[in-house]
Amino acid sequence: MRVPIVNNFLKKLMVFKEIFPVYGNKKNCGAVAYIKASPEATRFAYRKGLFVIRAVGESATILNDAKFKPKDYGRNS
């Protein structure tokens, strides 16, 4: 995962409710998952309010800490 990939995902996330208006009154958070990523990309995704998930073997771990506040991309994005 690289920063441009996260940016591309964010663009899609911001128009999700326009494409799927049935979710108009729902919270719209996002997550990125990876097997291999640059440290810059994981920090960038965290700062943008995305859950960051690292896949290892047959399991996955959410890397966000207790201070993390997910961004609602459905409201005032």
C-alpha atoms as a PDB file:
ATOM      1  CA  MET A   1       0.000   0.000   0.000  1.00  0.00           C
ATOM      2  CA  ARG A   2       1.241   3.449  -0.922  1.00  0.00           C
ATOM      3  CA  VAL A   3      -0.104   6.971  -0.295  1.00  0.00           C
ATOM      4  CA  PRO A   4      -1.559   7.355  -3.847  1.00  0.00           C
ATOM      5  CA  ILE A   5      -3.594   4.185  -3.333  1.00  0.00           C
ATOM      6  CA  VAL A   6      -4.997   5.557  -0.066  1.00  0.00           C
ATOM      7  CA  ASN A   7      -5.814   8.866  -1.808  1.00  0.00           C
ATOM      8  CA  ASN A   8      -7.658   7.015  -4.574  1.00  0.00           C
ATOM      9  CA  PHE A   9      -9.696   5.108  -1.993  1.00  0.00           C
ATOM     10  CA  LEU A  10     -10.550   8.350  -0.151  1.00  0.00           C
ATOM     11  CA  LYS A  11     -11.939   9.852  -3.370  1.00  0.00           C
ATOM     12  CA  LYS A  12     -14.236   6.855  -3.771  1.00  0.00           C
ATOM     13  CA  LEU A  13     -15.268   6.940  -0.125  1.00  0.00           C
ATOM     14  CA  MET A  14     -16.298  10.596  -0.373  1.00  0.00           C
ATOM     15  CA  VAL A  15     -18.788   9.895  -3.179  1.00  0.00           C
ATOM     16  CA  PHE A  16     -20.138   6.628  -1.779  1.00  0.00           C
ATOM     17  CA  LYS A  17     -23.407   8.136  -0.517  1.00  0.00           C
ATOM     18  CA  GLU A  18     -24.026   9.893  -3.813  1.00  0.00           C
ATOM     19  CA  ILE A  19     -23.831   6.525  -5.556  1.00  0.00           C
ATOM     20  CA  PHE A  20     -25.718   4.638  -2.811  1.00  0.00           C
ATOM     21  CA  PRO A  21     -28.249   7.128  -1.356  1.00  0.00           C
ATOM     22  CA  VAL A  22     -29.977   4.348   0.584  1.00  0.00           C
ATOM     23  CA  TYR A  23     -27.127   4.758   3.101  1.00  0.00           C
ATOM     24  CA  GLY A  24     -27.712   8.502   3.395  1.00  0.00           C
ATOM     25  CA  ASN A  25     -28.432   8.520   7.117  1.00  0.00           C
ATOM     26  CA  LYS A  26     -25.710   6.002   8.059  1.00  0.00           C
ATOM     27  CA  LYS A  27     -22.221   6.665   9.348  1.00  0.00           C
ATOM     28  CA  ASN A  28     -19.644   6.147   6.580  1.00  0.00           C
ATOM     29  CA  CYS A  29     -16.234   5.142   7.936  1.00  0.00           C
ATOM     30  CA  GLY A  30     -13.463   3.540   5.940  1.00  0.00           C
ATOM     31  CA  ALA A  31     -10.651   1.064   6.347  1.00  0.00           C
ATOM     32  CA  VAL A  32      -7.577   0.057   4.411  1.00  0.00           C
ATOM     33  CA  ALA A  33      -6.058  -3.386   4.707  1.00  0.00           C
ATOM     34  CA  TYR A  34      -2.644  -4.449   3.551  1.00  0.00           C
ATOM     35  CA  ILE A  35      -0.071  -7.198   3.514  1.00  0.00           C
ATOM     36  CA  LYS A  36       2.817  -4.879   2.619  1.00  0.00           C
ATOM     37  CA  ALA A  37       2.749  -1.093   3.066  1.00  0.00           C
ATOM     38  CA  SER A  38       5.009   1.894   3.350  1.00  0.00           C
ATOM     39  CA  PRO A  39       5.138   3.490   6.813  1.00  0.00           C
ATOM     40  CA  GLU A  40       4.092   6.784   5.207  1.00  0.00           C
ATOM     41  CA  ALA A  41       0.923   5.211   3.809  1.00  0.00           C
ATOM     42  CA  THR A  42      -0.136   3.712   7.131  1.00  0.00           C
ATOM     43  CA  ARG A  43       0.444   7.028   8.954  1.00  0.00           C
ATOM     44  CA  PHE A  44      -1.396   8.918   6.204  1.00  0.00           C
ATOM     45  CA  ALA A  45      -4.401   6.573   6.369  1.00  0.00           C
ATOM     46  CA  TYR A  46      -4.524   6.898  10.179  1.00  0.00           C
ATOM     47  CA  ARG A  47      -4.395  10.715   9.989  1.00  0.00           C
ATOM     48  CA  LYS A  48      -7.218  10.665   7.419  1.00  0.00           C
ATOM     49  CA  GLY A  49      -9.442   8.812   9.888  1.00  0.00           C
ATOM     50  CA  LEU A  50      -9.283   5.375   8.286  1.00  0.00           C
ATOM     51  CA  PHE A  51      -8.996   2.110  10.155  1.00  0.00           C
ATOM     52  CA  VAL A  52      -5.659   0.509   9.266  1.00  0.00           C
ATOM     53  CA  ILE A  53      -5.624  -3.282   9.099  1.00  0.00           C
ATOM     54  CA  ARG A  54      -2.512  -5.408   8.648  1.00  0.00           C
ATOM     55  CA  ALA A  55      -3.023  -8.911   7.283  1.00  0.00           C
ATOM     56  CA  VAL A  56      -0.570 -11.521   8.535  1.00  0.00           C
ATOM     57  CA  GLY A  57      -0.881 -15.157   7.586  1.00  0.00           C
ATOM     58  CA  GLU A  58      -4.473 -16.197   8.162  1.00  0.00           C
ATOM     59  CA  SER A  59      -5.324 -13.360  10.534  1.00  0.00           C
ATOM     60  CA  ALA A  60      -5.533  -9.586  10.577  1.00  0.00           C
ATOM     61  CA  THR A  61      -4.888  -6.889  13.167  1.00  0.00           C
ATOM     62  CA  ILE A  62      -6.373  -3.412  13.449  1.00  0.00           C
ATOM     63  CA  LEU A  63      -3.421  -1.123  14.112  1.00  0.00           C
ATOM     64  CA  ASN A  64      -5.323   1.947  15.312  1.00  0.00           C
ATOM     65  CA  ASP A  65      -4.709   2.888  18.931  1.00  0.00           C
ATOM     66  CA  ALA A  66      -7.185   3.922  21.634  1.00  0.00           C
ATOM     67  CA  LYS A  67      -6.809   7.631  20.689  1.00  0.00           C
ATOM     68  CA  PHE A  68      -8.047   6.995  17.138  1.00  0.00           C
ATOM     69  CA  LYS A  69     -11.246   8.752  16.035  1.00  0.00           C
ATOM     70  CA  PRO A  70     -12.650   7.433  12.743  1.00  0.00           C
ATOM     71  CA  LYS A  71     -13.804  10.074  10.296  1.00  0.00           C
ATOM     72  CA  ASP A  72     -17.396   9.967   9.075  1.00  0.00           C
ATOM     73  CA  TYR A  73     -16.988  10.489   5.335  1.00  0.00           C
ATOM     74  CA  GLY A  74     -20.729  10.729   4.919  1.00  0.00           C
ATOM     75  CA  ARG A  75     -21.068  14.033   6.735  1.00  0.00           C
ATOM     76  CA  ASN A  76     -19.319  17.272   5.807  1.00  0.00           C
ATOM     77  CA  SER A  77     -16.490  15.531   4.001  1.00  0.00           C
END
